[in-house]
């Protein structure tokens, strides 16, 4: 279960949130526009970051620059 170790894993890169206008999910509670987040893992469609709650969350890449 690798995802349990992502929080302690080294940061891959940092990304900046550019919007929280989600059509299906509510992300404005856990992301702040303009804030930088540490990417712990990523796939073609998602980035896994430590969000405002302090936990790892997976989000679509279109929210970030």
PDB file of N, CA and C in Angstrom:
ATOM      1  N   UNK A   1       0.849  -1.177   0.000  1.00  0.00           N
ATOM      2  CA  UNK A   1       0.000   0.000   0.000  1.00  0.00           C
ATOM      3  C   UNK A   1       0.893   1.239   0.000  1.00  0.00           C
ATOM      4  N   UNK A   2       1.382   1.570  -1.168  1.00  0.00           N
ATOM      5  CA  UNK A   2       2.313   2.681  -1.308  1.00  0.00           C
ATOM      6  C   UNK A   2       1.710   4.029  -0.963  1.00  0.00           C
ATOM      7  N   UNK A   3       0.416   4.214  -1.192  1.00  0.00           N
ATOM      8  CA  UNK A   3      -0.200   5.508  -0.964  1.00  0.00           C
ATOM      9  C   UNK A   3      -0.149   5.923   0.504  1.00  0.00           C
ATOM     10  N   UNK A   4       0.060   4.989   1.420  1.00  0.00           N
ATOM     11  CA  UNK A   4       0.163   5.330   2.836  1.00  0.00           C
ATOM     12  C   UNK A   4       1.493   6.003   3.169  1.00  0.00           C
ATOM     13  N   UNK A   5       2.492   5.840   2.304  1.00  0.00           N
ATOM     14  CA  UNK A   5       3.813   6.426   2.531  1.00  0.00           C
ATOM     15  C   UNK A   5       4.026   7.725   1.755  1.00  0.00           C
ATOM     16  N   UNK A   6       3.065   8.168   0.941  1.00  0.00           N
ATOM     17  CA  UNK A   6       3.236   9.353   0.115  1.00  0.00           C
ATOM     18  C   UNK A   6       3.422  10.623   0.938  1.00  0.00           C
ATOM     19  N   UNK A   7       2.797  10.710   2.099  1.00  0.00           N
ATOM     20  CA  UNK A   7       2.889  11.921   2.906  1.00  0.00           C
ATOM     21  C   UNK A   7       4.329  12.177   3.348  1.00  0.00           C
ATOM     22  N   UNK A   8       5.078  11.136   3.607  1.00  0.00           N
ATOM     23  CA  UNK A   8       6.467  11.256   4.034  1.00  0.00           C
ATOM     24  C   UNK A   8       7.448  11.200   2.869  1.00  0.00           C
ATOM     25  N   UNK A   9       6.971  10.955   1.667  1.00  0.00           N
ATOM     26  CA  UNK A   9       7.827  10.839   0.492  1.00  0.00           C
ATOM     27  C   UNK A   9       8.380  12.211   0.102  1.00  0.00           C
ATOM     28  N   UNK A  10       9.521  12.232  -0.585  1.00  0.00           N
ATOM     29  CA  UNK A  10      10.062  13.521  -1.047  1.00  0.00           C
ATOM     30  C   UNK A  10       9.138  14.161  -2.082  1.00  0.00           C
ATOM     31  N   UNK A  11       9.158  15.475  -2.125  1.00  0.00           N
ATOM     32  CA  UNK A  11       8.317  16.227  -3.051  1.00  0.00           C
ATOM     33  C   UNK A  11       8.839  16.097  -4.469  1.00  0.00           C
ATOM     34  N   UNK A  12       7.955  15.775  -5.410  1.00  0.00           N
ATOM     35  CA  UNK A  12       8.320  15.638  -6.820  1.00  0.00           C
ATOM     36  C   UNK A  12       8.512  17.018  -7.434  1.00  0.00           C
ATOM     37  N   UNK A  13       7.560  17.909  -7.206  1.00  0.00           N
ATOM     38  CA  UNK A  13       7.600  19.302  -7.681  1.00  0.00           C
ATOM     39  C   UNK A  13       6.514  20.073  -6.956  1.00  0.00           C
ATOM     40  N   UNK A  14       6.431  21.361  -7.219  1.00  0.00           N
ATOM     41  CA  UNK A  14       5.361  22.173  -6.640  1.00  0.00           C
ATOM     42  C   UNK A  14       4.473  22.697  -7.756  1.00  0.00           C
ATOM     43  N   UNK A  15       3.191  22.826  -7.454  1.00  0.00           N
ATOM     44  CA  UNK A  15       2.222  23.359  -8.402  1.00  0.00           C
ATOM     45  C   UNK A  15       1.431  24.463  -7.719  1.00  0.00           C
ATOM     46  N   UNK A  16       0.877  25.367  -8.536  1.00  0.00           N
ATOM     47  CA  UNK A  16       0.066  26.470  -8.038  1.00  0.00           C
ATOM     48  C   UNK A  16      -1.371  26.263  -8.480  1.00  0.00           C
ATOM     49  N   UNK A  17      -2.300  26.407  -7.558  1.00  0.00           N
ATOM     50  CA  UNK A  17      -3.718  26.254  -7.870  1.00  0.00           C
ATOM     51  C   UNK A  17      -4.182  27.467  -8.671  1.00  0.00           C
ATOM     52  N   UNK A  18      -4.796  27.242  -9.840  1.00  0.00           N
ATOM     53  CA  UNK A  18      -5.241  28.365 -10.668  1.00  0.00           C
ATOM     54  C   UNK A  18      -6.736  28.611 -10.581  1.00  0.00           C
ATOM     55  N   UNK A  19      -7.540  27.608 -10.187  1.00  0.00           N
ATOM     56  CA  UNK A  19      -8.978  27.815  -9.997  1.00  0.00           C
ATOM     57  C   UNK A  19      -9.564  26.678  -9.181  1.00  0.00           C
ATOM     58  N   UNK A  20     -10.751  26.905  -8.648  1.00  0.00           N
ATOM     59  CA  UNK A  20     -11.480  25.865  -7.909  1.00  0.00           C
ATOM     60  C   UNK A  20     -12.888  25.711  -8.474  1.00  0.00           C
ATOM     61  N   UNK A  21     -13.065  26.053  -9.742  1.00  0.00           N
ATOM     62  CA  UNK A  21     -14.368  25.956 -10.402  1.00  0.00           C
ATOM     63  C   UNK A  21     -14.595  24.530 -10.897  1.00  0.00           C
ATOM     64  N   UNK A  22     -15.035  23.679 -10.019  1.00  0.00           N
ATOM     65  CA  UNK A  22     -15.269  22.284 -10.375  1.00  0.00           C
ATOM     66  C   UNK A  22     -16.704  22.098 -10.823  1.00  0.00           C
ATOM     67  N   UNK A  23     -16.883  21.306 -11.871  1.00  0.00           N
ATOM     68  CA  UNK A  23     -18.238  21.073 -12.374  1.00  0.00           C
ATOM     69  C   UNK A  23     -18.954  19.975 -11.595  1.00  0.00           C
ATOM     70  N   UNK A  24     -18.209  19.056 -11.017  1.00  0.00           N
ATOM     71  CA  UNK A  24     -18.829  17.908 -10.382  1.00  0.00           C
ATOM     72  C   UNK A  24     -18.534  17.811  -8.884  1.00  0.00           C
ATOM     73  N   UNK A  25     -17.333  18.193  -8.472  1.00  0.00           N
ATOM     74  CA  UNK A  25     -16.905  18.014  -7.085  1.00  0.00           C
ATOM     75  C   UNK A  25     -16.663  19.359  -6.418  1.00  0.00           C
ATOM     76  N   UNK A  26     -16.771  19.407  -5.105  1.00  0.00           N
ATOM     77  CA  UNK A  26     -16.509  20.610  -4.332  1.00  0.00           C
ATOM     78  C   UNK A  26     -15.053  20.588  -3.875  1.00  0.00           C
ATOM     79  N   UNK A  27     -14.214  21.424  -4.489  1.00  0.00           N
ATOM     80  CA  UNK A  27     -12.801  21.457  -4.127  1.00  0.00           C
ATOM     81  C   UNK A  27     -12.399  22.757  -3.446  1.00  0.00           C
ATOM     82  N   UNK A  28     -13.301  23.708  -3.384  1.00  0.00           N
ATOM     83  CA  UNK A  28     -12.957  24.999  -2.781  1.00  0.00           C
ATOM     84  C   UNK A  28     -12.743  24.891  -1.276  1.00  0.00           C
ATOM     85  N   UNK A  29     -13.178  23.810  -0.645  1.00  0.00           N
ATOM     86  CA  UNK A  29     -12.946  23.610   0.791  1.00  0.00           C
ATOM     87  C   UNK A  29     -11.515  23.178   1.088  1.00  0.00           C
ATOM     88  N   UNK A  30     -10.840  22.568   0.133  1.00  0.00           N
ATOM     89  CA  UNK A  30      -9.517  22.012   0.381  1.00  0.00           C
ATOM     90  C   UNK A  30      -8.410  22.623  -0.466  1.00  0.00           C
ATOM     91  N   UNK A  31      -8.751  23.442  -1.461  1.00  0.00           N
ATOM     92  CA  UNK A  31      -7.757  24.121  -2.286  1.00  0.00           C
ATOM     93  C   UNK A  31      -7.971  25.627  -2.222  1.00  0.00           C
ATOM     94  N   UNK A  32      -6.884  26.381  -2.280  1.00  0.00           N
ATOM     95  CA  UNK A  32      -6.943  27.839  -2.279  1.00  0.00           C
ATOM     96  C   UNK A  32      -6.290  28.343  -3.554  1.00  0.00           C
ATOM     97  N   UNK A  33      -6.973  29.219  -4.270  1.00  0.00           N
ATOM     98  CA  UNK A  33      -6.443  29.770  -5.515  1.00  0.00           C
ATOM     99  C   UNK A  33      -5.189  30.581  -5.208  1.00  0.00           C
ATOM    100  N   UNK A  34      -4.128  30.342  -5.987  1.00  0.00           N
ATOM    101  CA  UNK A  34      -2.878  31.058  -5.828  1.00  0.00           C
ATOM    102  C   UNK A  34      -1.896  30.415  -4.862  1.00  0.00           C
ATOM    103  N   UNK A  35      -2.310  29.428  -4.120  1.00  0.00           N
ATOM    104  CA  UNK A  35      -1.424  28.775  -3.164  1.00  0.00           C
ATOM    105  C   UNK A  35      -0.633  27.672  -3.844  1.00  0.00           C
ATOM    106  N   UNK A  36       0.608  27.496  -3.412  1.00  0.00           N
ATOM    107  CA  UNK A  36       1.452  26.436  -3.952  1.00  0.00           C
ATOM    108  C   UNK A  36       1.323  25.181  -3.104  1.00  0.00           C
ATOM    109  N   UNK A  37       1.309  24.044  -3.774  1.00  0.00           N
ATOM    110  CA  UNK A  37       1.173  22.746  -3.116  1.00  0.00           C
ATOM    111  C   UNK A  37       2.306  21.830  -3.552  1.00  0.00           C
ATOM    112  N   UNK A  38       2.752  20.967  -2.645  1.00  0.00           N
ATOM    113  CA  UNK A  38       3.798  19.993  -2.936  1.00  0.00           C
ATOM    114  C   UNK A  38       3.183  18.748  -3.554  1.00  0.00           C
ATOM    115  N   UNK A  39       3.691  18.365  -4.722  1.00  0.00           N
ATOM    116  CA  UNK A  39       3.215  17.163  -5.408  1.00  0.00           C
ATOM    117  C   UNK A  39       3.995  15.973  -4.878  1.00  0.00           C
ATOM    118  N   UNK A  40       3.289  14.984  -4.380  1.00  0.00           N
ATOM    119  CA  UNK A  40       3.916  13.781  -3.857  1.00  0.00           C
ATOM    120  C   UNK A  40       3.925  12.647  -4.871  1.00  0.00           C
ATOM    121  N   UNK A  41       2.943  12.627  -5.785  1.00  0.00           N
ATOM    122  CA  UNK A  41       2.873  11.622  -6.839  1.00  0.00           C
ATOM    123  C   UNK A  41       1.957  12.176  -7.921  1.00  0.00           C
ATOM    124  N   UNK A  42       2.102  11.680  -9.137  1.00  0.00           N
ATOM    125  CA  UNK A  42       1.209  12.116 -10.213  1.00  0.00           C
ATOM    126  C   UNK A  42       1.057  11.031 -11.260  1.00  0.00           C
ATOM    127  N   UNK A  43      -0.082  11.100 -11.949  1.00  0.00           N
ATOM    128  CA  UNK A  43      -0.372  10.222 -13.072  1.00  0.00           C
ATOM    129  C   UNK A  43      -0.648  11.115 -14.271  1.00  0.00           C
ATOM    130  N   UNK A  44      -1.117  10.538 -15.354  1.00  0.00           N
ATOM    131  CA  UNK A  44      -1.419  11.335 -16.544  1.00  0.00           C
ATOM    132  C   UNK A  44      -2.569  12.307 -16.308  1.00  0.00           C
ATOM    133  N   UNK A  45      -3.509  11.944 -15.455  1.00  0.00           N
ATOM    134  CA  UNK A  45      -4.712  12.739 -15.255  1.00  0.00           C
ATOM    135  C   UNK A  45      -4.772  13.439 -13.897  1.00  0.00           C
ATOM    136  N   UNK A  46      -4.102  12.898 -12.888  1.00  0.00           N
ATOM    137  CA  UNK A  46      -4.216  13.395 -11.526  1.00  0.00           C
ATOM    138  C   UNK A  46      -2.875  13.791 -10.928  1.00  0.00           C
ATOM    139  N   UNK A  47      -2.918  14.716  -9.961  1.00  0.00           N
ATOM    140  CA  UNK A  47      -1.780  14.992  -9.092  1.00  0.00           C
ATOM    141  C   UNK A  47      -2.214  14.695  -7.666  1.00  0.00           C
ATOM    142  N   UNK A  48      -1.313  14.178  -6.895  1.00  0.00           N
ATOM    143  CA  UNK A  48      -1.585  13.851  -5.501  1.00  0.00           C
ATOM    144  C   UNK A  48      -0.763  14.798  -4.646  1.00  0.00           C
ATOM    145  N   UNK A  49      -1.464  15.669  -3.905  1.00  0.00           N
ATOM    146  CA  UNK A  49      -0.812  16.733  -3.154  1.00  0.00           C
ATOM    147  C   UNK A  49      -1.245  16.669  -1.688  1.00  0.00           C
ATOM    148  N   UNK A  50      -0.523  17.422  -0.860  1.00  0.00           N
ATOM    149  CA  UNK A  50      -0.973  17.645   0.506  1.00  0.00           C
ATOM    150  C   UNK A  50      -1.820  18.913   0.455  1.00  0.00           C
ATOM    151  N   UNK A  51      -3.134  18.763   0.656  1.00  0.00           N
ATOM    152  CA  UNK A  51      -4.058  19.891   0.525  1.00  0.00           C
ATOM    153  C   UNK A  51      -4.193  20.653   1.842  1.00  0.00           C
ATOM    154  N   UNK A  52      -5.163  21.561   1.911  1.00  0.00           N
ATOM    155  CA  UNK A  52      -5.344  22.416   3.089  1.00  0.00           C
ATOM    156  C   UNK A  52      -5.723  21.644   4.346  1.00  0.00           C
ATOM    157  N   UNK A  53      -6.194  20.424   4.215  1.00  0.00           N
ATOM    158  CA  UNK A  53      -6.547  19.627   5.392  1.00  0.00           C
ATOM    159  C   UNK A  53      -5.322  18.960   6.006  1.00  0.00           C
ATOM    160  N   UNK A  54      -4.198  18.977   5.295  1.00  0.00           N
ATOM    161  CA  UNK A  54      -2.986  18.335   5.775  1.00  0.00           C
ATOM    162  C   UNK A  54      -2.872  16.887   5.361  1.00  0.00           C
ATOM    163  N   UNK A  55      -3.802  16.416   4.558  1.00  0.00           N
ATOM    164  CA  UNK A  55      -3.802  15.034   4.081  1.00  0.00           C
ATOM    165  C   UNK A  55      -3.510  14.991   2.593  1.00  0.00           C
ATOM    166  N   UNK A  56      -3.161  13.813   2.094  1.00  0.00           N
ATOM    167  CA  UNK A  56      -2.945  13.619   0.659  1.00  0.00           C
ATOM    168  C   UNK A  56      -4.294  13.578  -0.042  1.00  0.00           C
ATOM    169  N   UNK A  57      -4.406  14.310  -1.131  1.00  0.00           N
ATOM    170  CA  UNK A  57      -5.618  14.300  -1.943  1.00  0.00           C
ATOM    171  C   UNK A  57      -5.253  14.214  -3.409  1.00  0.00           C
ATOM    172  N   UNK A  58      -6.083  13.548  -4.190  1.00  0.00           N
ATOM    173  CA  UNK A  58      -5.868  13.427  -5.626  1.00  0.00           C
ATOM    174  C   UNK A  58      -6.816  14.354  -6.363  1.00  0.00           C
ATOM    175  N   UNK A  59      -6.261  15.190  -7.250  1.00  0.00           N
ATOM    176  CA  UNK A  59      -7.046  16.198  -7.965  1.00  0.00           C
ATOM    177  C   UNK A  59      -6.671  16.179  -9.441  1.00  0.00           C
ATOM    178  N   UNK A  60      -7.638  16.563 -10.290  1.00  0.00           N
ATOM    179  CA  UNK A  60      -7.362  16.694 -11.721  1.00  0.00           C
ATOM    180  C   UNK A  60      -6.279  17.738 -11.937  1.00  0.00           C
ATOM    181  N   UNK A  61      -5.469  17.521 -12.952  1.00  0.00           N
ATOM    182  CA  UNK A  61      -4.366  18.445 -13.238  1.00  0.00           C
ATOM    183  C   UNK A  61      -4.838  19.801 -13.726  1.00  0.00           C
ATOM    184  N   UNK A  62      -6.071  19.902 -14.222  1.00  0.00           N
ATOM    185  CA  UNK A  62      -6.539  21.181 -14.765  1.00  0.00           C
ATOM    186  C   UNK A  62      -6.779  22.233 -13.693  1.00  0.00           C
ATOM    187  N   UNK A  63      -6.719  21.885 -12.407  1.00  0.00           N
ATOM    188  CA  UNK A  63      -6.832  22.880 -11.333  1.00  0.00           C
ATOM    189  C   UNK A  63      -5.504  23.600 -11.083  1.00  0.00           C
ATOM    190  N   UNK A  64      -4.407  23.109 -11.666  1.00  0.00           N
ATOM    191  CA  UNK A  64      -3.081  23.596 -11.332  1.00  0.00           C
ATOM    192  C   UNK A  64      -2.322  24.074 -12.548  1.00  0.00           C
ATOM    193  N   UNK A  65      -1.335  24.928 -12.280  1.00  0.00           N
ATOM    194  CA  UNK A  65      -0.420  25.401 -13.332  1.00  0.00           C
ATOM    195  C   UNK A  65       0.856  24.618 -13.260  1.00  0.00           C
TER     196      UNK A  65
END
